[in-house]
PDB file of all heavy atoms in Angstrom:
ATOM      1  N   GLY A   1      41.418 -69.046 -19.312  1.00  0.00           N
ATOM      2  CA  GLY A   1      40.709 -67.776 -19.143  1.00  0.00           C
ATOM      3  C   GLY A   1      41.277 -67.019 -17.977  1.00  0.00           C
ATOM      4  O   GLY A   1      42.325 -67.373 -17.411  1.00  0.00           O
ATOM      5  N   ASP A   2      40.566 -65.950 -17.586  1.00  0.00           N
ATOM      6  CA  ASP A   2      41.091 -65.040 -16.561  1.00  0.00           C
ATOM      7  C   ASP A   2      41.300 -65.726 -15.205  1.00  0.00           C
ATOM      8  O   ASP A   2      42.320 -65.487 -14.555  1.00  0.00           O
ATOM      9  CB  ASP A   2      40.202 -63.812 -16.414  1.00  0.00           C
ATOM     10  CG  ASP A   2      38.757 -64.110 -16.039  1.00  0.00           C
ATOM     11  OD1 ASP A   2      38.324 -65.292 -16.094  1.00  0.00           O
ATOM     12  OD2 ASP A   2      38.042 -63.153 -15.688  1.00  0.00           O
ATOM     13  N   MET A   3      40.393 -66.587 -14.797  1.00  0.00           N
ATOM     14  CA  MET A   3      40.533 -67.180 -13.457  1.00  0.00           C
ATOM     15  C   MET A   3      41.751 -68.103 -13.363  1.00  0.00           C
ATOM     16  O   MET A   3      42.494 -68.048 -12.392  1.00  0.00           O
ATOM     17  CB  MET A   3      39.253 -67.917 -13.060  1.00  0.00           C
ATOM     18  CG  MET A   3      38.084 -66.969 -12.836  1.00  0.00           C
ATOM     19  SD  MET A   3      36.622 -67.742 -12.151  1.00  0.00           S
ATOM     20  CE  MET A   3      36.151 -68.862 -13.443  1.00  0.00           C
ATOM     21  N   LEU A   4      41.971 -68.917 -14.378  1.00  0.00           N
ATOM     22  CA  LEU A   4      43.135 -69.805 -14.350  1.00  0.00           C
ATOM     23  C   LEU A   4      44.425 -69.004 -14.517  1.00  0.00           C
ATOM     24  O   LEU A   4      45.448 -69.320 -13.896  1.00  0.00           O
ATOM     25  CB  LEU A   4      43.029 -70.889 -15.420  1.00  0.00           C
ATOM     26  CG  LEU A   4      41.906 -71.899 -15.233  1.00  0.00           C
ATOM     27  CD1 LEU A   4      41.986 -72.985 -16.291  1.00  0.00           C
ATOM     28  CD2 LEU A   4      41.900 -72.502 -13.849  1.00  0.00           C
ATOM     29  N   ALA A   5      44.381 -67.963 -15.332  1.00  0.00           N
ATOM     30  CA  ALA A   5      45.563 -67.116 -15.515  1.00  0.00           C
ATOM     31  C   ALA A   5      45.914 -66.397 -14.204  1.00  0.00           C
ATOM     32  O   ALA A   5      47.091 -66.311 -13.831  1.00  0.00           O
ATOM     33  CB  ALA A   5      45.357 -66.126 -16.641  1.00  0.00           C
ATOM     34  N   GLU A   6      44.909 -65.909 -13.509  1.00  0.00           N
ATOM     35  CA  GLU A   6      45.156 -65.261 -12.217  1.00  0.00           C
ATOM     36  C   GLU A   6      45.757 -66.246 -11.219  1.00  0.00           C
ATOM     37  O   GLU A   6      46.661 -65.904 -10.456  1.00  0.00           O
ATOM     38  CB  GLU A   6      43.858 -64.649 -11.673  1.00  0.00           C
ATOM     39  CG  GLU A   6      43.445 -63.409 -12.440  1.00  0.00           C
ATOM     40  CD  GLU A   6      42.034 -62.937 -12.122  1.00  0.00           C
ATOM     41  OE1 GLU A   6      41.275 -63.636 -11.400  1.00  0.00           O
ATOM     42  OE2 GLU A   6      41.664 -61.843 -12.614  1.00  0.00           O
ATOM     43  N   GLN A   7      45.287 -67.472 -11.237  1.00  0.00           N
ATOM     44  CA  GLN A   7      45.841 -68.496 -10.368  1.00  0.00           C
ATOM     45  C   GLN A   7      47.302 -68.799 -10.746  1.00  0.00           C
ATOM     46  O   GLN A   7      48.139 -69.002  -9.865  1.00  0.00           O
ATOM     47  CB  GLN A   7      45.002 -69.773 -10.428  1.00  0.00           C
ATOM     48  CG  GLN A   7      45.326 -70.745  -9.318  1.00  0.00           C
ATOM     49  CD  GLN A   7      44.282 -71.834  -9.188  1.00  0.00           C
ATOM     50  OE1 GLN A   7      43.559 -72.150 -10.128  1.00  0.00           O
ATOM     51  NE2 GLN A   7      44.229 -72.417  -8.011  1.00  0.00           N
ATOM     52  N   ALA A   8      47.591 -68.798 -12.021  1.00  0.00           N
ATOM     53  CA  ALA A   8      48.981 -69.015 -12.480  1.00  0.00           C
ATOM     54  C   ALA A   8      49.890 -67.910 -11.944  1.00  0.00           C
ATOM     55  O   ALA A   8      51.010 -68.187 -11.497  1.00  0.00           O
ATOM     56  CB  ALA A   8      49.031 -69.091 -13.999  1.00  0.00           C
ATOM     57  N   VAL A   9      49.430 -66.694 -11.984  1.00  0.00           N
ATOM     58  CA  VAL A   9      50.202 -65.562 -11.442  1.00  0.00           C
ATOM     59  C   VAL A   9      50.439 -65.767  -9.948  1.00  0.00           C
ATOM     60  O   VAL A   9      51.581 -65.644  -9.481  1.00  0.00           O
ATOM     61  CB  VAL A   9      49.490 -64.220 -11.701  1.00  0.00           C
ATOM     62  CG1 VAL A   9      50.152 -63.084 -10.938  1.00  0.00           C
ATOM     63  CG2 VAL A   9      49.457 -63.909 -13.197  1.00  0.00           C
ATOM     64  N   GLU A  10      49.387 -66.079  -9.213  1.00  0.00           N
ATOM     65  CA  GLU A  10      49.488 -66.267  -7.771  1.00  0.00           C
ATOM     66  C   GLU A  10      50.459 -67.387  -7.406  1.00  0.00           C
ATOM     67  O   GLU A  10      51.138 -67.333  -6.372  1.00  0.00           O
ATOM     68  CB  GLU A  10      48.113 -66.608  -7.176  1.00  0.00           C
ATOM     69  CG  GLU A  10      47.144 -65.450  -7.194  1.00  0.00           C
ATOM     70  CD  GLU A  10      45.721 -65.887  -6.843  1.00  0.00           C
ATOM     71  OE1 GLU A  10      45.519 -67.016  -6.338  1.00  0.00           O
ATOM     72  OE2 GLU A  10      44.790 -65.086  -7.101  1.00  0.00           O
ATOM     73  N   ASN A  11      50.583 -68.384  -8.269  1.00  0.00           N
ATOM     74  CA  ASN A  11      51.436 -69.541  -7.978  1.00  0.00           C
ATOM     75  C   ASN A  11      52.805 -69.489  -8.654  1.00  0.00           C
ATOM     76  O   ASN A  11      53.519 -70.492  -8.671  1.00  0.00           O
ATOM     77  CB  ASN A  11      50.682 -70.824  -8.307  1.00  0.00           C
ATOM     78  CG  ASN A  11      49.567 -71.082  -7.324  1.00  0.00           C
ATOM     79  OD1 ASN A  11      49.767 -70.888  -6.120  1.00  0.00           O
ATOM     80  ND2 ASN A  11      48.421 -71.488  -7.794  1.00  0.00           N
ATOM     81  N   GLY A  12      53.158 -68.328  -9.209  1.00  0.00           N
ATOM     82  CA  GLY A  12      54.515 -68.126  -9.670  1.00  0.00           C
ATOM     83  C   GLY A  12      54.873 -68.687 -11.031  1.00  0.00           C
ATOM     84  O   GLY A  12      56.049 -68.949 -11.301  1.00  0.00           O
ATOM     85  N   TRP A  13      53.926 -68.841 -11.921  1.00  0.00           N
ATOM     86  CA  TRP A  13      54.237 -69.260 -13.281  1.00  0.00           C
ATOM     87  C   TRP A  13      54.735 -68.059 -14.082  1.00  0.00           C
ATOM     88  O   TRP A  13      54.204 -66.955 -13.932  1.00  0.00           O
ATOM     89  CB  TRP A  13      53.000 -69.852 -13.974  1.00  0.00           C
ATOM     90  CG  TRP A  13      52.594 -71.167 -13.396  1.00  0.00           C
ATOM     91  CD1 TRP A  13      51.787 -71.383 -12.315  1.00  0.00           C
ATOM     92  CD2 TRP A  13      53.010 -72.448 -13.838  1.00  0.00           C
ATOM     93  NE1 TRP A  13      51.673 -72.730 -12.067  1.00  0.00           N
ATOM     94  CE2 TRP A  13      52.408 -73.405 -12.989  1.00  0.00           C
ATOM     95  CE3 TRP A  13      53.823 -72.903 -14.884  1.00  0.00           C
ATOM     96  CZ2 TRP A  13      52.611 -74.765 -13.158  1.00  0.00           C
ATOM     97  CZ3 TRP A  13      54.025 -74.260 -15.054  1.00  0.00           C
ATOM     98  CH2 TRP A  13      53.413 -75.171 -14.196  1.00  0.00           C
ATOM     99  N   ALA A  14      55.722 -68.253 -14.951  1.00  0.00           N
ATOM    100  CA  ALA A  14      56.232 -67.151 -15.795  1.00  0.00           C
ATOM    101  C   ALA A  14      55.340 -66.962 -17.008  1.00  0.00           C
ATOM    102  O   ALA A  14      55.192 -65.821 -17.475  1.00  0.00           O
ATOM    103  CB  ALA A  14      57.657 -67.452 -16.253  1.00  0.00           C
ATOM    104  N   GLY A  15      54.777 -68.046 -17.525  1.00  0.00           N
ATOM    105  CA  GLY A  15      53.961 -67.911 -18.723  1.00  0.00           C
ATOM    106  C   GLY A  15      53.275 -69.199 -19.108  1.00  0.00           C
ATOM    107  O   GLY A  15      53.517 -70.268 -18.532  1.00  0.00           O
ATOM    108  N   ILE A  16      52.402 -69.055 -20.098  1.00  0.00           N
ATOM    109  CA  ILE A  16      51.661 -70.188 -20.653  1.00  0.00           C
ATOM    110  C   ILE A  16      51.665 -70.031 -22.165  1.00  0.00           C
ATOM    111  O   ILE A  16      51.330 -68.957 -22.679  1.00  0.00           O
ATOM    112  CB  ILE A  16      50.209 -70.219 -20.115  1.00  0.00           C
ATOM    113  CG1 ILE A  16      50.216 -70.388 -18.602  1.00  0.00           C
ATOM    114  CG2 ILE A  16      49.417 -71.350 -20.805  1.00  0.00           C
ATOM    115  CD1 ILE A  16      48.849 -70.245 -17.944  1.00  0.00           C
ATOM    116  N   VAL A  17      52.040 -71.089 -22.858  1.00  0.00           N
ATOM    117  CA  VAL A  17      51.946 -71.134 -24.320  1.00  0.00           C
ATOM    118  C   VAL A  17      50.878 -72.165 -24.634  1.00  0.00           C
ATOM    119  O   VAL A  17      50.998 -73.323 -24.253  1.00  0.00           O
ATOM    120  CB  VAL A  17      53.292 -71.501 -24.965  1.00  0.00           C
ATOM    121  CG1 VAL A  17      53.127 -71.711 -26.463  1.00  0.00           C
ATOM    122  CG2 VAL A  17      54.327 -70.411 -24.680  1.00  0.00           C
ATOM    123  N   MET A  18      49.834 -71.693 -25.324  1.00  0.00           N
ATOM    124  CA  MET A  18      48.659 -72.536 -25.593  1.00  0.00           C
ATOM    125  C   MET A  18      48.521 -72.779 -27.080  1.00  0.00           C
ATOM    126  O   MET A  18      48.228 -71.848 -27.852  1.00  0.00           O
ATOM    127  CB  MET A  18      47.410 -71.786 -25.063  1.00  0.00           C
ATOM    128  CG  MET A  18      46.127 -72.551 -25.232  1.00  0.00           C
ATOM    129  SD  MET A  18      46.035 -74.037 -24.242  1.00  0.00           S
ATOM    130  CE  MET A  18      46.048 -73.374 -22.596  1.00  0.00           C
ATOM    131  N   TYR A  19      48.765 -74.028 -27.484  1.00  0.00           N
ATOM    132  CA  TYR A  19      48.504 -74.420 -28.878  1.00  0.00           C
ATOM    133  C   TYR A  19      47.009 -74.695 -28.981  1.00  0.00           C
ATOM    134  O   TYR A  19      46.541 -75.820 -29.054  1.00  0.00           O
ATOM    135  CB  TYR A  19      49.356 -75.639 -29.260  1.00  0.00           C
ATOM    136  CG  TYR A  19      49.243 -76.023 -30.712  1.00  0.00           C
ATOM    137  CD1 TYR A  19      49.557 -75.116 -31.710  1.00  0.00           C
ATOM    138  CD2 TYR A  19      48.831 -77.285 -31.074  1.00  0.00           C
ATOM    139  CE1 TYR A  19      49.452 -75.476 -33.054  1.00  0.00           C
ATOM    140  CE2 TYR A  19      48.731 -77.665 -32.403  1.00  0.00           C
ATOM    141  CZ  TYR A  19      49.031 -76.746 -33.387  1.00  0.00           C
ATOM    142  OH  TYR A  19      48.925 -77.105 -34.716  1.00  0.00           O
ATOM    143  N   GLY A  20      46.272 -73.611 -28.906  1.00  0.00           N
ATOM    144  CA  GLY A  20      44.824 -73.586 -28.857  1.00  0.00           C
ATOM    145  C   GLY A  20      44.407 -72.153 -28.548  1.00  0.00           C
ATOM    146  O   GLY A  20      45.184 -71.222 -28.764  1.00  0.00           O
ATOM    147  N   CYS A  21      43.221 -72.000 -28.023  1.00  0.00           N
ATOM    148  CA  CYS A  21      42.675 -70.657 -27.777  1.00  0.00           C
ATOM    149  C   CYS A  21      42.580 -70.306 -26.291  1.00  0.00           C
ATOM    150  O   CYS A  21      42.557 -71.185 -25.433  1.00  0.00           O
ATOM    151  CB  CYS A  21      41.281 -70.562 -28.392  1.00  0.00           C
ATOM    152  SG  CYS A  21      41.277 -70.658 -30.198  1.00  0.00           S
ATOM    153  N   VAL A  22      42.472 -68.996 -26.056  1.00  0.00           N
ATOM    154  CA  VAL A  22      42.271 -68.446 -24.720  1.00  0.00           C
ATOM    155  C   VAL A  22      41.047 -67.538 -24.769  1.00  0.00           C
ATOM    156  O   VAL A  22      40.540 -67.223 -25.848  1.00  0.00           O
ATOM    157  CB  VAL A  22      43.523 -67.665 -24.234  1.00  0.00           C
ATOM    158  CG1 VAL A  22      44.714 -68.605 -24.101  1.00  0.00           C
ATOM    159  CG2 VAL A  22      43.845 -66.495 -25.150  1.00  0.00           C
ATOM    160  N   ARG A  23      40.589 -67.101 -23.612  1.00  0.00           N
ATOM    161  CA  ARG A  23      39.474 -66.147 -23.557  1.00  0.00           C
ATOM    162  C   ARG A  23      39.739 -65.121 -22.466  1.00  0.00           C
ATOM    163  O   ARG A  23      40.760 -65.192 -21.799  1.00  0.00           O
ATOM    164  CB  ARG A  23      38.144 -66.866 -23.359  1.00  0.00           C
ATOM    165  CG  ARG A  23      37.959 -67.519 -22.021  1.00  0.00           C
ATOM    166  CD  ARG A  23      36.654 -68.270 -22.019  1.00  0.00           C
ATOM    167  NE  ARG A  23      36.169 -68.526 -20.667  1.00  0.00           N
ATOM    168  CZ  ARG A  23      34.935 -68.858 -20.359  1.00  0.00           C
ATOM    169  NH1 ARG A  23      34.041 -68.973 -21.317  1.00  0.00           N
ATOM    170  NH2 ARG A  23      34.581 -69.072 -19.127  1.00  0.00           N
ATOM    171  N   ASP A  24      38.804 -64.203 -22.273  1.00  0.00           N
ATOM    172  CA  ASP A  24      38.964 -63.113 -21.311  1.00  0.00           C
ATOM    173  C   ASP A  24      40.247 -62.324 -21.615  1.00  0.00           C
ATOM    174  O   ASP A  24      41.011 -61.966 -20.727  1.00  0.00           O
ATOM    175  CB  ASP A  24      39.003 -63.661 -19.865  1.00  0.00           C
ATOM    176  CG  ASP A  24      37.791 -64.483 -19.528  1.00  0.00           C
ATOM    177  OD1 ASP A  24      36.649 -64.030 -19.799  1.00  0.00           O
ATOM    178  OD2 ASP A  24      37.947 -65.603 -18.970  1.00  0.00           O
ATOM    179  N   VAL A  25      40.439 -62.063 -22.888  1.00  0.00           N
ATOM    180  CA  VAL A  25      41.717 -61.494 -23.336  1.00  0.00           C
ATOM    181  C   VAL A  25      41.984 -60.093 -22.773  1.00  0.00           C
ATOM    182  O   VAL A  25      43.157 -59.731 -22.584  1.00  0.00           O
ATOM    183  CB  VAL A  25      41.853 -61.508 -24.874  1.00  0.00           C
ATOM    184  CG1 VAL A  25      41.837 -62.940 -25.390  1.00  0.00           C
ATOM    185  CG2 VAL A  25      40.762 -60.674 -25.534  1.00  0.00           C
ATOM    186  N   ASP A  26      40.953 -59.319 -22.470  1.00  0.00           N
ATOM    187  CA  ASP A  26      41.206 -57.987 -21.910  1.00  0.00           C
ATOM    188  C   ASP A  26      41.798 -58.103 -20.507  1.00  0.00           C
ATOM    189  O   ASP A  26      42.678 -57.325 -20.133  1.00  0.00           O
ATOM    190  CB  ASP A  26      39.922 -57.168 -21.873  1.00  0.00           C
ATOM    191  CG  ASP A  26      39.420 -56.839 -23.278  1.00  0.00           C
ATOM    192  OD1 ASP A  26      40.259 -56.726 -24.206  1.00  0.00           O
ATOM    193  OD2 ASP A  26      38.194 -56.732 -23.459  1.00  0.00           O
ATOM    194  N   VAL A  27      41.365 -59.088 -19.740  1.00  0.00           N
ATOM    195  CA  VAL A  27      41.933 -59.327 -18.424  1.00  0.00           C
ATOM    196  C   VAL A  27      43.336 -59.934 -18.542  1.00  0.00           C
ATOM    197  O   VAL A  27      44.259 -59.507 -17.842  1.00  0.00           O
ATOM    198  CB  VAL A  27      41.028 -60.234 -17.559  1.00  0.00           C
ATOM    199  CG1 VAL A  27      41.682 -60.557 -16.222  1.00  0.00           C
ATOM    200  CG2 VAL A  27      39.658 -59.575 -17.340  1.00  0.00           C
ATOM    201  N   LEU A  28      43.504 -60.893 -19.417  1.00  0.00           N
ATOM    202  CA  LEU A  28      44.831 -61.503 -19.608  1.00  0.00           C
ATOM    203  C   LEU A  28      45.878 -60.435 -19.895  1.00  0.00           C
ATOM    204  O   LEU A  28      47.006 -60.531 -19.392  1.00  0.00           O
ATOM    205  CB  LEU A  28      44.820 -62.524 -20.741  1.00  0.00           C
ATOM    206  CG  LEU A  28      43.954 -63.773 -20.583  1.00  0.00           C
ATOM    207  CD1 LEU A  28      44.128 -64.682 -21.793  1.00  0.00           C
ATOM    208  CD2 LEU A  28      44.268 -64.509 -19.302  1.00  0.00           C
ATOM    209  N   ALA A  29      45.533 -59.442 -20.648  1.00  0.00           N
ATOM    210  CA  ALA A  29      46.477 -58.394 -21.029  1.00  0.00           C
ATOM    211  C   ALA A  29      46.931 -57.527 -19.842  1.00  0.00           C
ATOM    212  O   ALA A  29      47.940 -56.839 -19.935  1.00  0.00           O
ATOM    213  CB  ALA A  29      45.870 -57.489 -22.107  1.00  0.00           C
ATOM    214  N   THR A  30      46.197 -57.604 -18.729  1.00  0.00           N
ATOM    215  CA  THR A  30      46.570 -56.805 -17.543  1.00  0.00           C
ATOM    216  C   THR A  30      47.387 -57.596 -16.528  1.00  0.00           C
ATOM    217  O   THR A  30      47.875 -57.019 -15.564  1.00  0.00           O
ATOM    218  CB  THR A  30      45.306 -56.295 -16.829  1.00  0.00           C
ATOM    219  OG1 THR A  30      44.600 -57.396 -16.228  1.00  0.00           O
ATOM    220  CG2 THR A  30      44.392 -55.522 -17.774  1.00  0.00           C
ATOM    221  N   LEU A  31      47.529 -58.891 -16.737  1.00  0.00           N
ATOM    222  CA  LEU A  31      48.194 -59.726 -15.738  1.00  0.00           C
ATOM    223  C   LEU A  31      49.700 -59.848 -15.989  1.00  0.00           C
ATOM    224  O   LEU A  31      50.147 -59.874 -17.140  1.00  0.00           O
ATOM    225  CB  LEU A  31      47.587 -61.144 -15.767  1.00  0.00           C
ATOM    226  CG  LEU A  31      46.105 -61.258 -15.423  1.00  0.00           C
ATOM    227  CD1 LEU A  31      45.625 -62.681 -15.612  1.00  0.00           C
ATOM    228  CD2 LEU A  31      45.850 -60.774 -14.014  1.00  0.00           C
ATOM    229  N   PRO A  32      50.481 -59.918 -14.919  1.00  0.00           N
ATOM    230  CA  PRO A  32      51.942 -60.079 -15.067  1.00  0.00           C
ATOM    231  C   PRO A  32      52.296 -61.532 -15.397  1.00  0.00           C
ATOM    232  O   PRO A  32      52.949 -62.238 -14.624  1.00  0.00           O
ATOM    233  CB  PRO A  32      52.482 -59.647 -13.717  1.00  0.00           C
ATOM    234  CG  PRO A  32      51.390 -60.000 -12.752  1.00  0.00           C
ATOM    235  CD  PRO A  32      50.108 -59.770 -13.511  1.00  0.00           C
ATOM    236  N   LEU A  33      51.835 -61.980 -16.554  1.00  0.00           N
ATOM    237  CA  LEU A  33      51.990 -63.354 -17.011  1.00  0.00           C
ATOM    238  C   LEU A  33      52.166 -63.333 -18.515  1.00  0.00           C
ATOM    239  O   LEU A  33      51.442 -62.629 -19.225  1.00  0.00           O
ATOM    240  CB  LEU A  33      50.748 -64.171 -16.658  1.00  0.00           C
ATOM    241  CG  LEU A  33      50.706 -65.649 -17.027  1.00  0.00           C
ATOM    242  CD1 LEU A  33      51.696 -66.435 -16.155  1.00  0.00           C
ATOM    243  CD2 LEU A  33      49.299 -66.196 -16.864  1.00  0.00           C
ATOM    244  N   GLY A  34      53.128 -64.081 -19.011  1.00  0.00           N
ATOM    245  CA  GLY A  34      53.244 -64.253 -20.453  1.00  0.00           C
ATOM    246  C   GLY A  34      52.210 -65.240 -20.924  1.00  0.00           C
ATOM    247  O   GLY A  34      52.081 -66.325 -20.346  1.00  0.00           O
ATOM    248  N   VAL A  35      51.442 -64.894 -21.934  1.00  0.00           N
ATOM    249  CA  VAL A  35      50.455 -65.795 -22.511  1.00  0.00           C
ATOM    250  C   VAL A  35      50.523 -65.672 -24.029  1.00  0.00           C
ATOM    251  O   VAL A  35      50.289 -64.585 -24.567  1.00  0.00           O
ATOM    252  CB  VAL A  35      49.013 -65.496 -22.049  1.00  0.00           C
ATOM    253  CG1 VAL A  35      48.011 -66.432 -22.717  1.00  0.00           C
ATOM    254  CG2 VAL A  35      48.887 -65.588 -20.532  1.00  0.00           C
ATOM    255  N   GLN A  36      50.857 -66.768 -24.696  1.00  0.00           N
ATOM    256  CA  GLN A  36      50.798 -66.793 -26.143  1.00  0.00           C
ATOM    257  C   GLN A  36      49.885 -67.942 -26.542  1.00  0.00           C
ATOM    258  O   GLN A  36      49.907 -69.017 -25.935  1.00  0.00           O
ATOM    259  CB  GLN A  36      52.186 -66.959 -26.740  1.00  0.00           C
ATOM    260  CG  GLN A  36      53.048 -65.720 -26.491  1.00  0.00           C
ATOM    261  CD  GLN A  36      53.989 -65.424 -27.612  1.00  0.00           C
ATOM    262  OE1 GLN A  36      53.900 -65.967 -28.710  1.00  0.00           O
ATOM    263  NE2 GLN A  36      54.933 -64.522 -27.362  1.00  0.00           N
ATOM    264  N   ALA A  37      49.037 -67.669 -27.548  1.00  0.00           N
ATOM    265  CA  ALA A  37      48.066 -68.653 -27.995  1.00  0.00           C
ATOM    266  C   ALA A  37      47.786 -68.435 -29.470  1.00  0.00           C
ATOM    267  O   ALA A  37      48.197 -67.412 -30.048  1.00  0.00           O
ATOM    268  CB  ALA A  37      46.777 -68.529 -27.191  1.00  0.00           C
ATOM    269  N   LEU A  38      47.053 -69.377 -30.068  1.00  0.00           N
ATOM    270  CA  LEU A  38      46.697 -69.259 -31.484  1.00  0.00           C
ATOM    271  C   LEU A  38      45.628 -68.209 -31.729  1.00  0.00           C
ATOM    272  O   LEU A  38      45.571 -67.622 -32.801  1.00  0.00           O
ATOM    273  CB  LEU A  38      46.223 -70.611 -32.019  1.00  0.00           C
ATOM    274  CG  LEU A  38      47.244 -71.752 -31.964  1.00  0.00           C
ATOM    275  CD1 LEU A  38      46.608 -73.027 -32.533  1.00  0.00           C
ATOM    276  CD2 LEU A  38      48.499 -71.376 -32.733  1.00  0.00           C
ATOM    277  N   GLY A  39      44.744 -68.014 -30.758  1.00  0.00           N
ATOM    278  CA  GLY A  39      43.664 -67.056 -30.921  1.00  0.00           C
ATOM    279  C   GLY A  39      42.794 -67.023 -29.689  1.00  0.00           C
ATOM    280  O   GLY A  39      43.113 -67.606 -28.658  1.00  0.00           O
ATOM    281  N   SER A  40      41.680 -66.312 -29.801  1.00  0.00           N
ATOM    282  CA  SER A  40      40.743 -66.226 -28.688  1.00  0.00           C
ATOM    283  C   SER A  40      39.402 -66.837 -29.097  1.00  0.00           C
ATOM    284  O   SER A  40      39.045 -66.854 -30.292  1.00  0.00           O
ATOM    285  CB  SER A  40      40.563 -64.777 -28.236  1.00  0.00           C
ATOM    286  OG  SER A  40      39.999 -64.002 -29.293  1.00  0.00           O
ATOM    287  N   HIS A  41      38.697 -67.320 -28.097  1.00  0.00           N
ATOM    288  CA  HIS A  41      37.376 -67.933 -28.312  1.00  0.00           C
ATOM    289  C   HIS A  41      36.577 -67.744 -27.027  1.00  0.00           C
ATOM    290  O   HIS A  41      37.102 -68.001 -25.935  1.00  0.00           O
ATOM    291  CB  HIS A  41      37.544 -69.435 -28.624  1.00  0.00           C
ATOM    292  CG  HIS A  41      36.308 -70.044 -29.215  1.00  0.00           C
ATOM    293  ND1 HIS A  41      35.147 -70.215 -28.510  1.00  0.00           N
ATOM    294  CD2 HIS A  41      36.067 -70.492 -30.457  1.00  0.00           C
ATOM    295  CE1 HIS A  41      34.241 -70.760 -29.293  1.00  0.00           C
ATOM    296  NE2 HIS A  41      34.768 -70.953 -30.485  1.00  0.00           N
ATOM    297  N   PRO A  42      35.325 -67.328 -27.114  1.00  0.00           N
ATOM    298  CA  PRO A  42      34.556 -67.051 -25.906  1.00  0.00           C
ATOM    299  C   PRO A  42      34.058 -68.277 -25.152  1.00  0.00           C
ATOM    300  O   PRO A  42      33.743 -68.201 -23.962  1.00  0.00           O
ATOM    301  CB  PRO A  42      33.384 -66.208 -26.397  1.00  0.00           C
ATOM    302  CG  PRO A  42      33.224 -66.589 -27.839  1.00  0.00           C
ATOM    303  CD  PRO A  42      34.611 -66.907 -28.332  1.00  0.00           C
ATOM    304  N   ARG A  43      33.981 -69.434 -25.810  1.00  0.00           N
ATOM    305  CA  ARG A  43      33.431 -70.633 -25.168  1.00  0.00           C
ATOM    306  C   ARG A  43      34.459 -71.334 -24.320  1.00  0.00           C
ATOM    307  O   ARG A  43      35.599 -71.508 -24.724  1.00  0.00           O
ATOM    308  CB  ARG A  43      32.909 -71.600 -26.251  1.00  0.00           C
ATOM    309  CG  ARG A  43      32.313 -72.890 -25.656  1.00  0.00           C
ATOM    310  CD  ARG A  43      31.599 -73.740 -26.681  1.00  0.00           C
ATOM    311  NE  ARG A  43      30.349 -73.059 -27.030  1.00  0.00           N
ATOM    312  CZ  ARG A  43      29.977 -72.764 -28.268  1.00  0.00           C
ATOM    313  NH1 ARG A  43      30.730 -73.081 -29.303  1.00  0.00           N
ATOM    314  NH2 ARG A  43      28.841 -72.143 -28.496  1.00  0.00           N
ATOM    315  N   LYS A  44      34.052 -71.768 -23.105  1.00  0.00           N
ATOM    316  CA  LYS A  44      34.962 -72.521 -22.231  1.00  0.00           C
ATOM    317  C   LYS A  44      35.045 -73.969 -22.685  1.00  0.00           C
ATOM    318  O   LYS A  44      34.189 -74.455 -23.434  1.00  0.00           O
ATOM    319  CB  LYS A  44      34.517 -72.423 -20.782  1.00  0.00           C
ATOM    320  CG  LYS A  44      33.209 -73.119 -20.472  1.00  0.00           C
ATOM    321  CD  LYS A  44      32.846 -72.967 -19.008  1.00  0.00           C
ATOM    322  CE  LYS A  44      31.533 -73.651 -18.712  1.00  0.00           C
ATOM    323  NZ  LYS A  44      31.156 -73.520 -17.305  1.00  0.00           N
ATOM    324  N   SER A  45      36.096 -74.639 -22.218  1.00  0.00           N
ATOM    325  CA  SER A  45      36.296 -76.036 -22.567  1.00  0.00           C
ATOM    326  C   SER A  45      35.468 -76.953 -21.678  1.00  0.00           C
ATOM    327  O   SER A  45      34.879 -76.508 -20.688  1.00  0.00           O
ATOM    328  CB  SER A  45      37.758 -76.409 -22.453  1.00  0.00           C
ATOM    329  OG  SER A  45      38.107 -76.581 -21.087  1.00  0.00           O
TER     330      SER A  45
END
């Protein structure tokens, strides 16, 4: 989600490929991070 993605940006990750789902997609789209996933889901893990 957005908090972990923001942390990835802060720590210098280029991207995340998730064979699963992500959430907070409107925020993810604003971050300087590559994120590819199968889909979105609102429930956290």
